[in-house]
C-alpha atoms as a PDB file:
ATOM      1  CA  MET A   1      26.064  -3.440  87.409  1.00  0.00           C
ATOM      2  CA  VAL A   2      23.051  -3.887  89.662  1.00  0.00           C
ATOM      3  CA  GLN A   3      23.581  -6.265  92.584  1.00  0.00           C
ATOM      4  CA  GLU A   4      20.996  -9.036  92.755  1.00  0.00           C
ATOM      5  CA  ASP A   5      19.969 -11.687  95.250  1.00  0.00           C
ATOM      6  CA  PRO A   6      22.120 -14.800  94.492  1.00  0.00           C
ATOM      7  CA  GLU A   7      19.172 -17.151  95.153  1.00  0.00           C
ATOM      8  CA  ILE A   8      17.044 -15.397  92.538  1.00  0.00           C
ATOM      9  CA  GLU A   9      19.925 -15.442  90.041  1.00  0.00           C
ATOM     10  CA  ASP A  10      20.276 -19.211  90.479  1.00  0.00           C
ATOM     11  CA  GLU A  11      16.548 -19.749  89.844  1.00  0.00           C
ATOM     12  CA  LEU A  12      16.318 -17.567  86.744  1.00  0.00           C
ATOM     13  CA  GLY A  13      19.714 -18.406  85.314  1.00  0.00           C
ATOM     14  CA  GLN A  14      22.322 -16.070  83.951  1.00  0.00           C
ATOM     15  CA  ALA A  15      23.419 -14.735  80.619  1.00  0.00           C
ATOM     16  CA  THR A  16      26.893 -13.820  79.448  1.00  0.00           C
ATOM     17  CA  ILE A  17      27.176 -11.428  76.534  1.00  0.00           C
ATOM     18  CA  VAL A  18      30.402 -10.729  74.685  1.00  0.00           C
ATOM     19  CA  TYR A  19      30.347  -7.603  72.544  1.00  0.00           C
ATOM     20  CA  GLU A  20      32.525  -4.924  71.050  1.00  0.00           C
ATOM     21  CA  GLU A  21      32.422  -1.341  72.312  1.00  0.00           C
ATOM     22  CA  PRO A  22      32.818   1.611  69.895  1.00  0.00           C
ATOM     23  CA  ASP A  23      36.538   1.799  70.687  1.00  0.00           C
ATOM     24  CA  GLU A  24      36.748  -1.840  69.490  1.00  0.00           C
ATOM     25  CA  GLU A  25      37.417  -3.154  72.991  1.00  0.00           C
ATOM     26  CA  ARG A  26      35.851  -6.554  73.660  1.00  0.00           C
ATOM     27  CA  VAL A  27      33.589  -6.596  76.737  1.00  0.00           C
ATOM     28  CA  THR A  28      32.195  -9.608  78.615  1.00  0.00           C
ATOM     29  CA  GLU A  29      29.293  -9.100  81.020  1.00  0.00           C
ATOM     30  CA  THR A  30      27.299 -11.638  83.021  1.00  0.00           C
ATOM     31  CA  VAL A  31      23.815 -10.646  84.170  1.00  0.00           C
ATOM     32  CA  PRO A  32      20.663 -12.392  85.433  1.00  0.00           C
ATOM     33  CA  ASN A  33      18.534 -13.650  82.527  1.00  0.00           C
ATOM     34  CA  GLU A  34      15.827 -11.165  83.432  1.00  0.00           C
ATOM     35  CA  HIS A  35      18.252  -8.287  82.713  1.00  0.00           C
ATOM     36  CA  ILE A  36      18.937  -9.132  79.079  1.00  0.00           C
ATOM     37  CA  ALA A  37      16.626  -9.101  76.076  1.00  0.00           C
ATOM     38  CA  TYR A  38      16.802  -9.002  72.289  1.00  0.00           C
ATOM     39  CA  PHE A  39      14.583  -6.467  70.542  1.00  0.00           C
ATOM     40  CA  GLN A  40      14.712  -4.645  67.190  1.00  0.00           C
ATOM     41  CA  ASP A  41      18.189  -5.922  66.238  1.00  0.00           C
ATOM     42  CA  HIS A  42      19.674  -4.858  69.579  1.00  0.00           C
ATOM     43  CA  TRP A  43      20.619  -6.676  72.756  1.00  0.00           C
ATOM     44  CA  MET A  44      19.460  -4.696  75.783  1.00  0.00           C
ATOM     45  CA  LEU A  45      21.111  -4.974  79.191  1.00  0.00           C
ATOM     46  CA  LYS A  46      19.893  -3.538  82.459  1.00  0.00           C
ATOM     47  CA  THR A  47      23.057  -1.951  83.837  1.00  0.00           C
ATOM     48  CA  ASP A  48      21.804   0.110  86.778  1.00  0.00           C
ATOM     49  CA  GLU A  49      18.941   2.073  88.280  1.00  0.00           C
ATOM     50  CA  ASP A  50      18.714   5.850  88.441  1.00  0.00           C
ATOM     51  CA  ASP A  51      17.824   7.908  91.523  1.00  0.00           C
ATOM     52  CA  HIS A  52      14.117   7.531  90.739  1.00  0.00           C
ATOM     53  CA  GLY A  53      14.220   3.733  90.537  1.00  0.00           C
ATOM     54  CA  ASN A  54      14.073   3.636  86.719  1.00  0.00           C
ATOM     55  CA  ASP A  55      16.137   0.999  84.954  1.00  0.00           C
ATOM     56  CA  VAL A  56      19.200   2.174  83.063  1.00  0.00           C
ATOM     57  CA  VAL A  57      19.464   0.072  79.901  1.00  0.00           C
ATOM     58  CA  ARG A  58      22.340  -0.284  77.447  1.00  0.00           C
ATOM     59  CA  ARG A  59      21.340  -1.098  73.861  1.00  0.00           C
ATOM     60  CA  ILE A  60      23.984  -2.986  71.895  1.00  0.00           C
ATOM     61  CA  PRO A  61      23.524  -3.385  68.124  1.00  0.00           C
ATOM     62  CA  ALA A  62      23.398  -7.074  67.161  1.00  0.00           C
ATOM     63  CA  GLN A  63      26.296  -6.684  64.718  1.00  0.00           C
ATOM     64  CA  ARG A  64      28.612  -5.760  67.633  1.00  0.00           C
ATOM     65  CA  VAL A  65      27.746  -8.897  69.642  1.00  0.00           C
ATOM     66  CA  TYR A  66      30.046 -11.917  69.305  1.00  0.00           C
ATOM     67  CA  TYR A  67      27.787 -14.252  71.258  1.00  0.00           C
ATOM     68  CA  VAL A  68      25.342 -14.599  74.139  1.00  0.00           C
ATOM     69  CA  GLU A  69      25.298 -17.642  76.387  1.00  0.00           C
ATOM     70  CA  ARG A  70      22.364 -18.213  78.703  1.00  0.00           C
ATOM     71  CA  SER A  71      21.850 -20.783  81.396  1.00  0.00           C
ATOM     72  CA  VAL A  72      18.263 -21.972  81.298  1.00  0.00           C
ATOM     73  CA  GLU A  73      16.458 -24.553  83.346  1.00  0.00           C
ATOM     74  CA  GLU A  74      15.172 -26.337  80.259  1.00  0.00           C
ATOM     75  CA  PHE A  75      16.173 -25.562  76.688  1.00  0.00           C
ATOM     76  CA  GLU A  76      12.781 -26.752  75.432  1.00  0.00           C
ATOM     77  CA  GLU A  77      11.071 -24.113  77.586  1.00  0.00           C
ATOM     78  CA  GLU A  78      13.390 -21.424  76.168  1.00  0.00           C
ATOM     79  CA  VAL A  79      12.495 -22.500  72.618  1.00  0.00           C
ATOM     80  CA  LYS A  80       8.787 -22.460  73.501  1.00  0.00           C
ATOM     81  CA  THR A  81       9.176 -18.899  74.783  1.00  0.00           C
ATOM     82  CA  ILE A  82      10.802 -17.836  71.524  1.00  0.00           C
ATOM     83  CA  ARG A  83       8.094 -19.618  69.520  1.00  0.00           C
ATOM     84  CA  ASP A  84       5.416 -17.807  71.586  1.00  0.00           C
ATOM     85  CA  GLN A  85       7.113 -14.450  70.940  1.00  0.00           C
ATOM     86  CA  VAL A  86       7.218 -15.112  67.194  1.00  0.00           C
ATOM     87  CA  GLN A  87       3.548 -16.148  67.263  1.00  0.00           C
ATOM     88  CA  SER A  88       2.690 -12.918  69.094  1.00  0.00           C
ATOM     89  CA  VAL A  89       4.484 -10.825  66.475  1.00  0.00           C
ATOM     90  CA  ALA A  90       2.744 -12.765  63.700  1.00  0.00           C
ATOM     91  CA  ASP A  91      -0.642 -12.239  65.361  1.00  0.00           C
ATOM     92  CA  ASN A  92       0.000  -8.503  65.698  1.00  0.00           C
ATOM     93  CA  LEU A  93       1.082  -8.261  62.067  1.00  0.00           C
ATOM     94  CA  ARG A  94      -1.943 -10.263  60.904  1.00  0.00           C
ATOM     95  CA  SER A  95      -4.196  -7.969  62.921  1.00  0.00           C
ATOM     96  CA  LYS A  96      -2.676  -4.849  61.358  1.00  0.00           C
ATOM     97  CA  LEU A  97      -2.767  -6.233  57.804  1.00  0.00           C
ATOM     98  CA  LEU A  98      -6.298  -7.619  58.015  1.00  0.00           C
ATOM     99  CA  GLY A  99      -7.704  -4.907  60.262  1.00  0.00           C
ATOM    100  CA  ARG A 100      -8.776  -7.431  62.857  1.00  0.00           C
ATOM    101  CA  GLY A 101      -9.603  -6.201  66.315  1.00  0.00           C
ATOM    102  CA  ASP A 102     -10.377  -9.403  68.189  1.00  0.00           C
ATOM    103  CA  ASP A 103      -8.175 -12.460  68.451  1.00  0.00           C
ATOM    104  CA  ASP A 104     -11.298 -14.641  68.436  1.00  0.00           C
ATOM    105  CA  GLU A 105     -12.258 -13.743  64.868  1.00  0.00           C
ATOM    106  CA  GLU A 106     -11.495 -16.321  62.229  1.00  0.00           C
ATOM    107  CA  VAL A 107      -9.037 -15.472  59.514  1.00  0.00           C
ATOM    108  CA  SER A 108     -10.577 -15.666  56.062  1.00  0.00           C
ATOM    109  CA  SER A 109      -8.821 -15.674  52.758  1.00  0.00           C
ATOM    110  CA  ILE A 110      -9.607 -13.485  49.796  1.00  0.00           C
ATOM    111  CA  GLU A 111      -9.484 -15.048  46.361  1.00  0.00           C
ATOM    112  CA  VAL A 112      -8.630 -12.842  43.420  1.00  0.00           C
ATOM    113  CA  GLU A 113      -9.652 -14.041  40.004  1.00  0.00           C
ATOM    114  CA  THR A 114      -7.236 -13.332  37.205  1.00  0.00           C
ATOM    115  CA  GLU A 115      -7.428 -13.908  33.498  1.00  0.00           C
ATOM    116  CA  GLU A 116      -5.213 -16.755  32.429  1.00  0.00           C
ATOM    117  CA  ARG A 117      -3.563 -16.181  29.101  1.00  0.00           C
ATOM    118  CA  ASP A 118      -2.579 -19.011  26.867  1.00  0.00           C
ATOM    119  CA  ASN A 119       0.970 -18.288  25.635  1.00  0.00           C
ATOM    120  CA  ARG A 120       1.318 -21.372  23.443  1.00  0.00           C
END
């Protein structure tokens, strides 16, 4: 694992992830919060840096993870961050579906008239 400055780790908090490796061995790793992320059904951990200074990242499928515990300064702030990420994904999806280019444009609805049939 990459060695970090203990003062920075204390400020950002830490995360412990418990997961299963392909050989079915259970692994527990503790990393600074900034070195763990969840994306596309995978947990990603920064495990090292290569000779060029690039991050080496391990992707762990969500179904192999038992749990992740994170120390955060304020849980409410963590929830707000998640809510902001979900809003960002929703905005991107809305933009793609509606063909919007600017975030400042208002969303309008389209009404489709259908014939109502009386089945009485």
